[in-house]
PDB file of N, CA and C in Angstrom:
ATOM      1  N   MET A   1     -10.693  32.050 -32.060  1.00  0.00           N
ATOM      2  CA  MET A   1     -10.872  32.284 -30.632  1.00  0.00           C
ATOM      3  C   MET A   1     -11.746  31.230 -29.945  1.00  0.00           C
ATOM      4  N   LYS A   2     -12.652  30.775 -30.396  1.00  0.00           N
ATOM      5  CA  LYS A   2     -13.774  29.824 -29.597  1.00  0.00           C
ATOM      6  C   LYS A   2     -12.953  28.386 -29.592  1.00  0.00           C
ATOM      7  N   ASN A   3     -11.961  28.119 -30.422  1.00  0.00           N
ATOM      8  CA  ASN A   3     -11.067  27.076 -30.502  1.00  0.00           C
ATOM      9  C   ASN A   3     -10.260  27.054 -29.393  1.00  0.00           C
ATOM     10  N   VAL A   4      -9.603  28.305 -29.211  1.00  0.00           N
ATOM     11  CA  VAL A   4      -8.634  28.324 -27.914  1.00  0.00           C
ATOM     12  C   VAL A   4      -9.245  28.112 -26.667  1.00  0.00           C
ATOM     13  N   LEU A   5     -10.474  28.943 -26.583  1.00  0.00           N
ATOM     14  CA  LEU A   5     -11.243  28.769 -25.346  1.00  0.00           C
ATOM     15  C   LEU A   5     -11.807  27.267 -25.045  1.00  0.00           C
ATOM     16  N   LEU A   6     -12.156  26.550 -26.198  1.00  0.00           N
ATOM     17  CA  LEU A   6     -12.573  25.219 -25.856  1.00  0.00           C
ATOM     18  C   LEU A   6     -11.313  24.264 -25.422  1.00  0.00           C
ATOM     19  N   LYS A   7     -10.334  24.441 -26.062  1.00  0.00           N
ATOM     20  CA  LYS A   7      -9.071  23.795 -25.752  1.00  0.00           C
ATOM     21  C   LYS A   7      -8.825  23.995 -24.097  1.00  0.00           C
ATOM     22  N   THR A   8      -8.715  25.176 -23.838  1.00  0.00           N
ATOM     23  CA  THR A   8      -8.468  25.845 -22.472  1.00  0.00           C
ATOM     24  C   THR A   8      -9.487  24.989 -21.490  1.00  0.00           C
ATOM     25  N   LEU A   9     -10.767  25.002 -21.870  1.00  0.00           N
ATOM     26  CA  LEU A   9     -11.605  24.421 -20.968  1.00  0.00           C
ATOM     27  C   LEU A   9     -11.516  22.950 -20.757  1.00  0.00           C
ATOM     28  N   ILE A  10     -11.083  22.161 -21.833  1.00  0.00           N
ATOM     29  CA  ILE A  10     -10.948  20.818 -21.929  1.00  0.00           C
ATOM     30  C   ILE A  10      -9.707  20.349 -20.962  1.00  0.00           C
ATOM     31  N   VAL A  11      -8.484  21.280 -21.251  1.00  0.00           N
ATOM     32  CA  VAL A  11      -7.430  21.017 -20.366  1.00  0.00           C
ATOM     33  C   VAL A  11      -7.691  21.185 -18.907  1.00  0.00           C
ATOM     34  N   ALA A  12      -8.465  22.351 -18.658  1.00  0.00           N
ATOM     35  CA  ALA A  12      -8.649  22.726 -17.235  1.00  0.00           C
ATOM     36  C   ALA A  12      -9.681  21.586 -16.766  1.00  0.00           C
ATOM     37  N   PHE A  13     -10.575  20.963 -17.402  1.00  0.00           N
ATOM     38  CA  PHE A  13     -11.461  19.734 -16.883  1.00  0.00           C
ATOM     39  C   PHE A  13     -10.485  18.847 -16.596  1.00  0.00           C
ATOM     40  N   GLY A  14      -9.712  18.281 -17.648  1.00  0.00           N
ATOM     41  CA  GLY A  14      -9.077  17.152 -17.231  1.00  0.00           C
ATOM     42  C   GLY A  14      -8.216  17.321 -16.177  1.00  0.00           C
ATOM     43  N   LEU A  15      -7.465  18.474 -15.993  1.00  0.00           N
ATOM     44  CA  LEU A  15      -6.579  18.396 -14.768  1.00  0.00           C
ATOM     45  C   LEU A  15      -7.466  18.398 -13.452  1.00  0.00           C
ATOM     46  N   SER A  16      -8.531  18.991 -13.491  1.00  0.00           N
ATOM     47  CA  SER A  16      -9.231  18.984 -12.215  1.00  0.00           C
ATOM     48  C   SER A  16     -10.049  17.866 -12.096  1.00  0.00           C
ATOM     49  N   ALA A  17     -10.164  16.929 -12.943  1.00  0.00           N
ATOM     50  CA  ALA A  17     -10.592  15.649 -12.593  1.00  0.00           C
ATOM     51  C   ALA A  17      -9.638  14.843 -12.204  1.00  0.00           C
ATOM     52  N   TYR A  18      -8.309  14.886 -12.679  1.00  0.00           N
ATOM     53  CA  TYR A  18      -7.121  13.960 -12.430  1.00  0.00           C
ATOM     54  C   TYR A  18      -6.552  14.272 -10.891  1.00  0.00           C
ATOM     55  N   ALA A  19      -6.539  15.548 -10.653  1.00  0.00           N
ATOM     56  CA  ALA A  19      -5.997  15.774  -9.184  1.00  0.00           C
ATOM     57  C   ALA A  19      -6.536  15.298  -8.103  1.00  0.00           C
ATOM     58  N   PRO A  20      -7.938  15.188  -7.891  1.00  0.00           N
ATOM     59  CA  PRO A  20      -8.295  14.532  -6.512  1.00  0.00           C
ATOM     60  C   PRO A  20      -8.246  12.987  -6.795  1.00  0.00           C
ATOM     61  N   LEU A  21      -7.921  12.421  -7.715  1.00  0.00           N
ATOM     62  CA  LEU A  21      -7.718  10.995  -7.660  1.00  0.00           C
ATOM     63  C   LEU A  21      -6.140  10.909  -7.413  1.00  0.00           C
ATOM     64  N   ALA A  22      -5.355  11.503  -7.695  1.00  0.00           N
ATOM     65  CA  ALA A  22      -3.795  11.229  -7.595  1.00  0.00           C
ATOM     66  C   ALA A  22      -3.389  11.637  -5.992  1.00  0.00           C
ATOM     67  N   PHE A  23      -4.273  12.708  -5.470  1.00  0.00           N
ATOM     68  CA  PHE A  23      -3.727  12.987  -4.073  1.00  0.00           C
ATOM     69  C   PHE A  23      -4.868  12.895  -3.123  1.00  0.00           C
ATOM     70  N   SER A  24      -5.807  12.134  -3.079  1.00  0.00           N
ATOM     71  CA  SER A  24      -6.889  11.949  -2.223  1.00  0.00           C
ATOM     72  C   SER A  24      -6.470  11.286  -1.103  1.00  0.00           C
ATOM     73  N   HIS A  25      -5.658  10.189  -1.276  1.00  0.00           N
ATOM     74  CA  HIS A  25      -4.863   9.260  -0.282  1.00  0.00           C
ATOM     75  C   HIS A  25      -3.595   9.654   0.144  1.00  0.00           C
ATOM     76  N   GLY A  26      -2.882  10.683  -0.133  1.00  0.00           N
ATOM     77  CA  GLY A  26      -1.698  10.851  -0.069  1.00  0.00           C
ATOM     78  C   GLY A  26      -0.757  10.401  -1.270  1.00  0.00           C
ATOM     79  N   SER A  27       0.572  10.663  -1.010  1.00  0.00           N
ATOM     80  CA  SER A  27       1.360  10.204  -2.101  1.00  0.00           C
ATOM     81  C   SER A  27       1.437   8.790  -2.411  1.00  0.00           C
ATOM     82  N   LEU A  28       1.667   8.433  -3.700  1.00  0.00           N
ATOM     83  CA  LEU A  28       1.810   7.220  -3.992  1.00  0.00           C
ATOM     84  C   LEU A  28       3.264   6.804  -4.201  1.00  0.00           C
ATOM     85  N   GLU A  29       4.290   7.725  -4.009  1.00  0.00           N
ATOM     86  CA  GLU A  29       5.565   7.484  -4.209  1.00  0.00           C
ATOM     87  C   GLU A  29       5.924   6.679  -3.073  1.00  0.00           C
ATOM     88  N   PRO A  30       6.812   5.515  -3.275  1.00  0.00           N
ATOM     89  CA  PRO A  30       7.171   4.865  -2.267  1.00  0.00           C
ATOM     90  C   PRO A  30       8.354   5.682  -1.422  1.00  0.00           C
ATOM     91  N   GLU A  31       8.216   5.696  -0.002  1.00  0.00           N
ATOM     92  CA  GLU A  31       8.875   6.358   0.900  1.00  0.00           C
ATOM     93  C   GLU A  31      10.247   5.543   1.368  1.00  0.00           C
ATOM     94  N   HIS A  32       9.927   4.305   1.362  1.00  0.00           N
ATOM     95  CA  HIS A  32      10.862   3.154   1.805  1.00  0.00           C
ATOM     96  C   HIS A  32      11.520   2.513   0.848  1.00  0.00           C
ATOM     97  N   GLY A  33      11.183   2.533  -0.653  1.00  0.00           N
ATOM     98  CA  GLY A  33      11.789   1.944  -1.582  1.00  0.00           C
ATOM     99  C   GLY A  33      11.004   0.786  -1.909  1.00  0.00           C
ATOM    100  N   GLY A  34       9.733   0.622  -1.581  1.00  0.00           N
ATOM    101  CA  GLY A  34       8.978  -0.525  -1.680  1.00  0.00           C
ATOM    102  C   GLY A  34       7.828  -0.372  -2.705  1.00  0.00           C
ATOM    103  N   ILE A  35       6.951  -1.410  -2.858  1.00  0.00           N
ATOM    104  CA  ILE A  35       5.807  -1.302  -3.872  1.00  0.00           C
ATOM    105  C   ILE A  35       4.543  -0.712  -3.104  1.00  0.00           C
ATOM    106  N   VAL A  36       4.098   0.206  -3.674  1.00  0.00           N
ATOM    107  CA  VAL A  36       2.728   0.897  -2.932  1.00  0.00           C
ATOM    108  C   VAL A  36       1.577   0.553  -3.660  1.00  0.00           C
ATOM    109  N   LYS A  37       0.682   0.260  -2.760  1.00  0.00           N
ATOM    110  CA  LYS A  37      -0.794  -0.167  -3.168  1.00  0.00           C
ATOM    111  C   LYS A  37      -1.921   0.637  -2.219  1.00  0.00           C
ATOM    112  N   ILE A  38      -3.119   0.868  -3.041  1.00  0.00           N
ATOM    113  CA  ILE A  38      -4.098   1.572  -1.953  1.00  0.00           C
ATOM    114  C   ILE A  38      -5.254   0.445  -1.935  1.00  0.00           C
ATOM    115  N   GLU A  39      -5.647   0.258  -0.783  1.00  0.00           N
ATOM    116  CA  GLU A  39      -6.882  -0.586  -0.378  1.00  0.00           C
ATOM    117  C   GLU A  39      -7.577  -0.120   0.659  1.00  0.00           C
ATOM    118  N   HIS A  40      -8.948  -0.025   0.443  1.00  0.00           N
ATOM    119  CA  HIS A  40      -9.954   0.686   1.458  1.00  0.00           C
ATOM    120  C   HIS A  40      -9.373   1.768   1.965  1.00  0.00           C
ATOM    121  N   GLU A  41      -9.007   2.593   1.205  1.00  0.00           N
ATOM    122  CA  GLU A  41      -8.441   4.172   1.389  1.00  0.00           C
ATOM    123  C   GLU A  41      -7.292   4.262   2.077  1.00  0.00           C
ATOM    124  N   LEU A  42      -6.598   3.114   2.396  1.00  0.00           N
ATOM    125  CA  LEU A  42      -5.484   2.928   3.065  1.00  0.00           C
ATOM    126  C   LEU A  42      -4.153   2.826   1.983  1.00  0.00           C
ATOM    127  N   VAL A  43      -3.094   3.486   2.374  1.00  0.00           N
ATOM    128  CA  VAL A  43      -1.947   3.141   1.484  1.00  0.00           C
ATOM    129  C   VAL A  43      -1.008   2.292   1.903  1.00  0.00           C
ATOM    130  N   PHE A  44      -0.541   1.105   1.293  1.00  0.00           N
ATOM    131  CA  PHE A  44       0.337   0.196   2.051  1.00  0.00           C
ATOM    132  C   PHE A  44       1.662   0.081   1.164  1.00  0.00           C
ATOM    133  N   GLU A  45       2.557   0.180   1.801  1.00  0.00           N
ATOM    134  CA  GLU A  45       3.963  -0.097   1.169  1.00  0.00           C
ATOM    135  C   GLU A  45       4.550  -1.314   1.495  1.00  0.00           C
ATOM    136  N   LEU A  46       4.895  -2.258   0.753  1.00  0.00           N
ATOM    137  CA  LEU A  46       5.532  -3.457   1.208  1.00  0.00           C
ATOM    138  C   LEU A  46       6.943  -3.292   0.588  1.00  0.00           C
ATOM    139  N   VAL A  47       7.942  -3.463   1.712  1.00  0.00           N
ATOM    140  CA  VAL A  47       9.322  -3.183   1.525  1.00  0.00           C
ATOM    141  C   VAL A  47      10.237  -4.597   1.830  1.00  0.00           C
ATOM    142  N   ARG A  48      10.805  -5.121   0.804  1.00  0.00           N
ATOM    143  CA  ARG A  48      11.582  -6.249   1.205  1.00  0.00           C
ATOM    144  C   ARG A  48      12.971  -5.854   1.714  1.00  0.00           C
ATOM    145  N   GLY A  49      13.331  -6.849   2.904  1.00  0.00           N
ATOM    146  CA  GLY A  49      14.484  -6.621   3.391  1.00  0.00           C
ATOM    147  C   GLY A  49      15.264  -7.875   3.172  1.00  0.00           C
ATOM    148  N   GLU A  50      16.624  -8.011   3.771  1.00  0.00           N
ATOM    149  CA  GLU A  50      17.556  -8.998   3.789  1.00  0.00           C
ATOM    150  C   GLU A  50      16.994 -10.140   4.565  1.00  0.00           C
ATOM    151  N   SER A  51      16.505  -9.695   5.718  1.00  0.00           N
ATOM    152  CA  SER A  51      15.911 -10.845   6.680  1.00  0.00           C
ATOM    153  C   SER A  51      14.670 -10.812   7.054  1.00  0.00           C
ATOM    154  N   ASN A  52      14.010  -9.787   6.760  1.00  0.00           N
ATOM    155  CA  ASN A  52      12.351  -9.537   7.006  1.00  0.00           C
ATOM    156  C   ASN A  52      11.935  -8.891   5.854  1.00  0.00           C
ATOM    157  N   THR A  53      10.304  -8.681   6.077  1.00  0.00           N
ATOM    158  CA  THR A  53       9.655  -7.812   5.184  1.00  0.00           C
ATOM    159  C   THR A  53       8.903  -6.766   6.004  1.00  0.00           C
ATOM    160  N   SER A  54       8.712  -5.534   5.474  1.00  0.00           N
ATOM    161  CA  SER A  54       8.152  -4.517   6.459  1.00  0.00           C
ATOM    162  C   SER A  54       6.938  -4.023   5.460  1.00  0.00           C
ATOM    163  N   VAL A  55       5.785  -3.519   6.231  1.00  0.00           N
ATOM    164  CA  VAL A  55       4.750  -2.930   5.681  1.00  0.00           C
ATOM    165  C   VAL A  55       4.741  -1.559   6.482  1.00  0.00           C
ATOM    166  N   TYR A  56       4.382  -0.611   5.515  1.00  0.00           N
ATOM    167  CA  TYR A  56       4.248   0.721   6.203  1.00  0.00           C
ATOM    168  C   TYR A  56       2.680   1.175   5.671  1.00  0.00           C
ATOM    169  N   ILE A  57       1.978   1.846   6.652  1.00  0.00           N
ATOM    170  CA  ILE A  57       0.490   2.050   6.265  1.00  0.00           C
ATOM    171  C   ILE A  57       0.368   3.422   6.645  1.00  0.00           C
ATOM    172  N   LYS A  58      -0.338   4.131   5.828  1.00  0.00           N
ATOM    173  CA  LYS A  58      -0.865   5.653   5.867  1.00  0.00           C
ATOM    174  C   LYS A  58      -2.503   5.593   5.545  1.00  0.00           C
ATOM    175  N   ASP A  59      -3.007   6.473   6.207  1.00  0.00           N
ATOM    176  CA  ASP A  59      -4.365   6.963   6.018  1.00  0.00           C
ATOM    177  C   ASP A  59      -4.434   8.220   5.552  1.00  0.00           C
ATOM    178  N   HIS A  60      -4.877   8.553   4.217  1.00  0.00           N
ATOM    179  CA  HIS A  60      -4.913   9.904   3.743  1.00  0.00           C
ATOM    180  C   HIS A  60      -3.659  10.905   4.017  1.00  0.00           C
ATOM    181  N   GLY A  61      -2.182  10.038   3.876  1.00  0.00           N
ATOM    182  CA  GLY A  61      -1.098  10.759   3.911  1.00  0.00           C
ATOM    183  C   GLY A  61      -0.502  10.664   5.540  1.00  0.00           C
ATOM    184  N   LYS A  62      -1.515  10.326   6.301  1.00  0.00           N
ATOM    185  CA  LYS A  62      -0.758  10.339   7.692  1.00  0.00           C
ATOM    186  C   LYS A  62      -0.603   8.976   8.143  1.00  0.00           C
ATOM    187  N   PRO A  63       0.593   8.737   8.872  1.00  0.00           N
ATOM    188  CA  PRO A  63       0.871   7.443   9.399  1.00  0.00           C
ATOM    189  C   PRO A  63      -0.335   6.732  10.331  1.00  0.00           C
ATOM    190  N   VAL A  64      -0.392   5.589  10.014  1.00  0.00           N
ATOM    191  CA  VAL A  64      -1.368   4.891  11.011  1.00  0.00           C
ATOM    192  C   VAL A  64      -0.730   3.947  12.076  1.00  0.00           C
ATOM    193  N   ASP A  65      -1.070   4.184  13.520  1.00  0.00           N
ATOM    194  CA  ASP A  65      -0.364   3.519  14.435  1.00  0.00           C
ATOM    195  C   ASP A  65      -0.710   2.081  14.435  1.00  0.00           C
ATOM    196  N   THR A  66       0.402   1.351  14.167  1.00  0.00           N
ATOM    197  CA  THR A  66       0.206  -0.162  14.087  1.00  0.00           C
ATOM    198  C   THR A  66       0.231  -0.819  15.372  1.00  0.00           C
ATOM    199  N   GLU A  67       0.310  -0.155  16.414  1.00  0.00           N
ATOM    200  CA  GLU A  67       0.224  -0.874  17.727  1.00  0.00           C
ATOM    201  C   GLU A  67      -0.993  -1.645  18.223  1.00  0.00           C
ATOM    202  N   LYS A  68      -2.006  -1.077  17.665  1.00  0.00           N
ATOM    203  CA  LYS A  68      -3.420  -1.753  17.896  1.00  0.00           C
ATOM    204  C   LYS A  68      -3.826  -2.648  16.568  1.00  0.00           C
ATOM    205  N   LEU A  69      -2.936  -2.861  15.473  1.00  0.00           N
ATOM    206  CA  LEU A  69      -3.356  -3.877  14.397  1.00  0.00           C
ATOM    207  C   LEU A  69      -2.566  -5.103  14.549  1.00  0.00           C
ATOM    208  N   THR A  70      -3.360  -5.984  14.114  1.00  0.00           N
ATOM    209  CA  THR A  70      -2.928  -7.419  13.846  1.00  0.00           C
ATOM    210  C   THR A  70      -2.807  -7.691  12.456  1.00  0.00           C
ATOM    211  N   GLY A  71      -1.781  -8.498  11.986  1.00  0.00           N
ATOM    212  CA  GLY A  71      -1.847  -8.922  10.633  1.00  0.00           C
ATOM    213  C   GLY A  71      -0.859 -10.120  10.144  1.00  0.00           C
ATOM    214  N   SER A  72      -1.159 -10.554   8.904  1.00  0.00           N
ATOM    215  CA  SER A  72      -0.412 -11.712   8.660  1.00  0.00           C
ATOM    216  C   SER A  72       0.085 -11.473   7.139  1.00  0.00           C
ATOM    217  N   ILE A  73       1.025 -12.263   6.630  1.00  0.00           N
ATOM    218  CA  ILE A  73       1.562 -12.241   5.283  1.00  0.00           C
ATOM    219  C   ILE A  73       1.759 -13.633   4.977  1.00  0.00           C
ATOM    220  N   MET A  74       1.072 -13.895   3.442  1.00  0.00           N
ATOM    221  CA  MET A  74       1.210 -15.171   2.965  1.00  0.00           C
ATOM    222  C   MET A  74       2.011 -15.013   1.791  1.00  0.00           C
ATOM    223  N   VAL A  75       2.923 -15.846   1.565  1.00  0.00           N
ATOM    224  CA  VAL A  75       3.656 -15.925   0.258  1.00  0.00           C
ATOM    225  C   VAL A  75       3.643 -17.124  -0.631  1.00  0.00           C
ATOM    226  N   LEU A  76       3.128 -16.953  -1.787  1.00  0.00           N
ATOM    227  CA  LEU A  76       3.196 -18.094  -2.736  1.00  0.00           C
ATOM    228  C   LEU A  76       4.393 -18.124  -3.707  1.00  0.00           C
ATOM    229  N   ALA A  77       5.325 -19.096  -3.527  1.00  0.00           N
ATOM    230  CA  ALA A  77       6.411 -19.062  -4.474  1.00  0.00           C
ATOM    231  C   ALA A  77       6.864 -20.474  -4.765  1.00  0.00           C
ATOM    232  N   ALA A  78       6.998 -20.638  -6.052  1.00  0.00           N
ATOM    233  CA  ALA A  78       7.388 -21.989  -6.866  1.00  0.00           C
ATOM    234  C   ALA A  78       6.498 -22.956  -6.261  1.00  0.00           C
ATOM    235  N   GLY A  79       5.157 -22.768  -6.172  1.00  0.00           N
ATOM    236  CA  GLY A  79       4.176 -23.649  -5.853  1.00  0.00           C
ATOM    237  C   GLY A  79       4.021 -23.954  -4.289  1.00  0.00           C
ATOM    238  N   LYS A  80       4.869 -23.368  -3.316  1.00  0.00           N
ATOM    239  CA  LYS A  80       4.796 -23.344  -2.042  1.00  0.00           C
ATOM    240  C   LYS A  80       4.357 -22.367  -1.464  1.00  0.00           C
ATOM    241  N   LYS A  81       3.603 -22.553  -0.139  1.00  0.00           N
ATOM    242  CA  LYS A  81       2.963 -21.437   0.517  1.00  0.00           C
ATOM    243  C   LYS A  81       3.583 -21.154   1.905  1.00  0.00           C
ATOM    244  N   SER A  82       4.154 -20.020   2.167  1.00  0.00           N
ATOM    245  CA  SER A  82       4.926 -19.576   3.514  1.00  0.00           C
ATOM    246  C   SER A  82       3.914 -18.510   4.046  1.00  0.00           C
ATOM    247  N   GLU A  83       3.648 -18.600   5.347  1.00  0.00           N
ATOM    248  CA  GLU A  83       2.875 -17.507   6.073  1.00  0.00           C
ATOM    249  C   GLU A  83       3.591 -17.141   7.345  1.00  0.00           C
ATOM    250  N   ALA A  84       3.496 -15.873   7.769  1.00  0.00           N
ATOM    251  CA  ALA A  84       4.085 -15.279   8.961  1.00  0.00           C
ATOM    252  C   ALA A  84       3.241 -14.229   9.398  1.00  0.00           C
ATOM    253  N   GLU A  85       3.195 -13.926  10.917  1.00  0.00           N
ATOM    254  CA  GLU A  85       2.542 -12.827  11.324  1.00  0.00           C
ATOM    255  C   GLU A  85       3.206 -11.413  11.232  1.00  0.00           C
ATOM    256  N   LEU A  86       2.528 -10.579  11.133  1.00  0.00           N
ATOM    257  CA  LEU A  86       2.997  -9.308  11.067  1.00  0.00           C
ATOM    258  C   LEU A  86       2.900  -8.640  12.366  1.00  0.00           C
ATOM    259  N   SER A  87       4.029  -7.869  12.751  1.00  0.00           N
ATOM    260  CA  SER A  87       3.944  -7.362  14.156  1.00  0.00           C
ATOM    261  C   SER A  87       4.396  -5.933  14.133  1.00  0.00           C
ATOM    262  N   ALA A  88       3.740  -5.067  15.065  1.00  0.00           N
ATOM    263  CA  ALA A  88       4.018  -3.704  15.082  1.00  0.00           C
ATOM    264  C   ALA A  88       5.398  -3.456  15.069  1.00  0.00           C
ATOM    265  N   ALA A  89       6.268  -2.383  14.742  1.00  0.00           N
ATOM    266  CA  ALA A  89       7.498  -2.325  14.703  1.00  0.00           C
ATOM    267  C   ALA A  89       7.980  -0.799  14.756  1.00  0.00           C
ATOM    268  N   GLY A  90       6.789  -0.160  15.450  1.00  0.00           N
ATOM    269  CA  GLY A  90       7.077   1.268  15.818  1.00  0.00           C
ATOM    270  C   GLY A  90       6.488   2.167  14.679  1.00  0.00           C
ATOM    271  N   GLY A  91       5.575   3.157  14.990  1.00  0.00           N
ATOM    272  CA  GLY A  91       5.174   4.192  14.141  1.00  0.00           C
ATOM    273  C   GLY A  91       4.169   3.276  13.258  1.00  0.00           C
ATOM    274  N   ASN A  92       4.228   3.560  11.893  1.00  0.00           N
ATOM    275  CA  ASN A  92       3.371   2.989  10.905  1.00  0.00           C
ATOM    276  C   ASN A  92       3.832   1.704  10.313  1.00  0.00           C
ATOM    277  N   LYS A  93       4.697   1.087  10.992  1.00  0.00           N
ATOM    278  CA  LYS A  93       5.511  -0.094  10.443  1.00  0.00           C
ATOM    279  C   LYS A  93       5.189  -1.341  11.197  1.00  0.00           C
ATOM    280  N   MET A  94       4.867  -2.365  10.379  1.00  0.00           N
ATOM    281  CA  MET A  94       4.817  -3.721  10.699  1.00  0.00           C
ATOM    282  C   MET A  94       5.800  -4.552   9.954  1.00  0.00           C
ATOM    283  N   THR A  95       6.457  -5.599  10.805  1.00  0.00           N
ATOM    284  CA  THR A  95       7.312  -6.431  10.116  1.00  0.00           C
ATOM    285  C   THR A  95       6.886  -7.799  10.343  1.00  0.00           C
ATOM    286  N   ALA A  96       7.527  -8.659   9.465  1.00  0.00           N
ATOM    287  CA  ALA A  96       7.333 -10.071   9.542  1.00  0.00           C
ATOM    288  C   ALA A  96       8.534 -10.789   9.177  1.00  0.00           C
ATOM    289  N   ASP A  97       8.830 -11.834   9.537  1.00  0.00           N
ATOM    290  CA  ASP A  97       9.952 -12.727   9.658  1.00  0.00           C
ATOM    291  C   ASP A  97       9.962 -13.588   8.412  1.00  0.00           C
ATOM    292  N   ILE A  98      10.074 -13.168   7.375  1.00  0.00           N
ATOM    293  CA  ILE A  98       9.690 -13.782   5.885  1.00  0.00           C
ATOM    294  C   ILE A  98      10.444 -13.215   4.791  1.00  0.00           C
ATOM    295  N   VAL A  99      11.300 -13.692   3.981  1.00  0.00           N
ATOM    296  CA  VAL A  99      11.861 -13.051   2.843  1.00  0.00           C
ATOM    297  C   VAL A  99      11.073 -13.258   1.503  1.00  0.00           C
ATOM    298  N   LEU A 100      11.065 -12.182   0.708  1.00  0.00           N
ATOM    299  CA  LEU A 100      10.488 -12.137  -0.341  1.00  0.00           C
ATOM    300  C   LEU A 100      11.591 -12.284  -1.617  1.00  0.00           C
ATOM    301  N   SER A 101      11.004 -12.898  -2.656  1.00  0.00           N
ATOM    302  CA  SER A 101      11.904 -12.801  -3.861  1.00  0.00           C
ATOM    303  C   SER A 101      11.201 -12.532  -5.146  1.00  0.00           C
ATOM    304  N   ASP A 102      11.915 -12.197  -6.075  1.00  0.00           N
ATOM    305  CA  ASP A 102      11.122 -11.800  -7.490  1.00  0.00           C
ATOM    306  C   ASP A 102      10.254 -13.001  -7.729  1.00  0.00           C
ATOM    307  N   GLY A 103       9.165 -12.477  -8.327  1.00  0.00           N
ATOM    308  CA  GLY A 103       8.137 -13.746  -8.846  1.00  0.00           C
ATOM    309  C   GLY A 103       7.204 -14.167  -7.758  1.00  0.00           C
ATOM    310  N   ASP A 104       7.430 -13.671  -6.511  1.00  0.00           N
ATOM    311  CA  ASP A 104       6.508 -14.098  -5.285  1.00  0.00           C
ATOM    312  C   ASP A 104       5.235 -13.485  -5.715  1.00  0.00           C
ATOM    313  N   LYS A 105       4.235 -14.134  -5.101  1.00  0.00           N
ATOM    314  CA  LYS A 105       2.874 -13.557  -5.068  1.00  0.00           C
ATOM    315  C   LYS A 105       2.675 -13.364  -3.516  1.00  0.00           C
ATOM    316  N   VAL A 106       2.331 -12.240  -3.094  1.00  0.00           N
ATOM    317  CA  VAL A 106       2.102 -11.857  -1.622  1.00  0.00           C
ATOM    318  C   VAL A 106       0.866 -11.364  -1.281  1.00  0.00           C
ATOM    319  N   LEU A 107       0.257 -11.809  -0.024  1.00  0.00           N
ATOM    320  CA  LEU A 107      -0.925 -11.354   0.227  1.00  0.00           C
ATOM    321  C   LEU A 107      -0.828 -10.834   1.537  1.00  0.00           C
ATOM    322  N   VAL A 108      -1.089  -9.528   1.839  1.00  0.00           N
ATOM    323  CA  VAL A 108      -0.886  -8.869   3.376  1.00  0.00           C
ATOM    324  C   VAL A 108      -2.381  -8.702   3.616  1.00  0.00           C
ATOM    325  N   LYS A 109      -2.617  -9.090   4.883  1.00  0.00           N
ATOM    326  CA  LYS A 109      -3.809  -9.006   5.436  1.00  0.00           C
ATOM    327  C   LYS A 109      -3.800  -8.416   6.866  1.00  0.00           C
ATOM    328  N   VAL A 110      -4.368  -7.102   7.045  1.00  0.00           N
ATOM    329  CA  VAL A 110      -4.079  -6.100   8.358  1.00  0.00           C
ATOM    330  C   VAL A 110      -5.724  -6.004   8.979  1.00  0.00           C
ATOM    331  N   SER A 111      -5.679  -6.069  10.276  1.00  0.00           N
ATOM    332  CA  SER A 111      -7.026  -5.884  10.993  1.00  0.00           C
ATOM    333  C   SER A 111      -6.727  -5.051  12.170  1.00  0.00           C
ATOM    334  N   ASP A 112      -7.862  -4.240  12.384  1.00  0.00           N
ATOM    335  CA  ASP A 112      -7.900  -3.406  13.648  1.00  0.00           C
ATOM    336  C   ASP A 112      -8.715  -4.088  14.751  1.00  0.00           C
ATOM    337  N   GLY A 113      -9.464  -5.409  14.397  1.00  0.00           N
ATOM    338  CA  GLY A 113     -10.172  -5.876  15.406  1.00  0.00           C
ATOM    339  C   GLY A 113     -11.658  -5.361  15.371  1.00  0.00           C
ATOM    340  N   LYS A 114     -11.852  -4.568  14.873  1.00  0.00           N
ATOM    341  CA  LYS A 114     -13.230  -3.743  14.799  1.00  0.00           C
ATOM    342  C   LYS A 114     -13.919  -3.926  13.505  1.00  0.00           C
ATOM    343  N   HIS A 115     -13.017  -4.005  12.512  1.00  0.00           N
ATOM    344  CA  HIS A 115     -13.772  -4.071  11.033  1.00  0.00           C
ATOM    345  C   HIS A 115     -13.217  -5.371  10.417  1.00  0.00           C
ATOM    346  N   HIS A 116     -13.667  -5.672   9.145  1.00  0.00           N
ATOM    347  CA  HIS A 116     -13.135  -6.822   8.462  1.00  0.00           C
ATOM    348  C   HIS A 116     -11.722  -6.660   8.181  1.00  0.00           C
ATOM    349  N   PRO A 117     -11.106  -7.494   7.917  1.00  0.00           N
ATOM    350  CA  PRO A 117      -9.497  -7.436   7.709  1.00  0.00           C
ATOM    351  C   PRO A 117      -9.312  -6.583   6.087  1.00  0.00           C
ATOM    352  N   VAL A 118      -8.389  -6.085   5.980  1.00  0.00           N
ATOM    353  CA  VAL A 118      -8.078  -5.185   4.696  1.00  0.00           C
ATOM    354  C   VAL A 118      -6.976  -6.191   4.064  1.00  0.00           C
ATOM    355  N   THR A 119      -7.222  -6.853   2.966  1.00  0.00           N
ATOM    356  CA  THR A 119      -6.250  -7.573   2.229  1.00  0.00           C
ATOM    357  C   THR A 119      -5.671  -6.705   0.898  1.00  0.00           C
ATOM    358  N   VAL A 120      -4.437  -6.668   0.889  1.00  0.00           N
ATOM    359  CA  VAL A 120      -3.662  -6.364  -0.209  1.00  0.00           C
ATOM    360  C   VAL A 120      -2.777  -7.298  -0.925  1.00  0.00           C
ATOM    361  N   ARG A 121      -2.943  -7.406  -2.047  1.00  0.00           N
ATOM    362  CA  ARG A 121      -2.124  -8.507  -3.179  1.00  0.00           C
ATOM    363  C   ARG A 121      -1.073  -7.767  -3.822  1.00  0.00           C
ATOM    364  N   TYR A 122      -0.005  -8.561  -3.827  1.00  0.00           N
ATOM    365  CA  TYR A 122       1.248  -7.824  -4.593  1.00  0.00           C
ATOM    366  C   TYR A 122       1.923  -9.019  -5.433  1.00  0.00           C
ATOM    367  N   SER A 123       2.401  -8.678  -6.674  1.00  0.00           N
ATOM    368  CA  SER A 123       3.192  -9.561  -7.409  1.00  0.00           C
ATOM    369  C   SER A 123       4.401  -9.099  -7.732  1.00  0.00           C
ATOM    370  N   LEU A 124       5.528  -9.679  -7.349  1.00  0.00           N
ATOM    371  CA  LEU A 124       6.716  -9.278  -7.267  1.00  0.00           C
ATOM    372  C   LEU A 124       7.590  -9.408  -8.449  1.00  0.00           C
TER     373      LEU A 124
END
């Protein structure tokens, strides 16, 4: 009987410790087919397109209005560096005129002008 109670408490504690970490910033599942990362309590989804790159930003599961944000994207590929400005594209989406490929290293930098920029790193 004590063994069953002990196992039940261990499982309950384990689940309660995991749940806040998994859902405190909203879903980590990509909504647009991209790669999701968390940085400074914001969720960033990097999405590769045929002619551009998009970044979607959420704060605790809620879309962030990108109209007041500025940003840039830097890509390191085959020893070369490319950069482009991110611009608001409606809602929580920002886009840049840069195309990403497998193996690229990507650095996304976003700022609201009031705080230090948030930097997110991706390896494709």
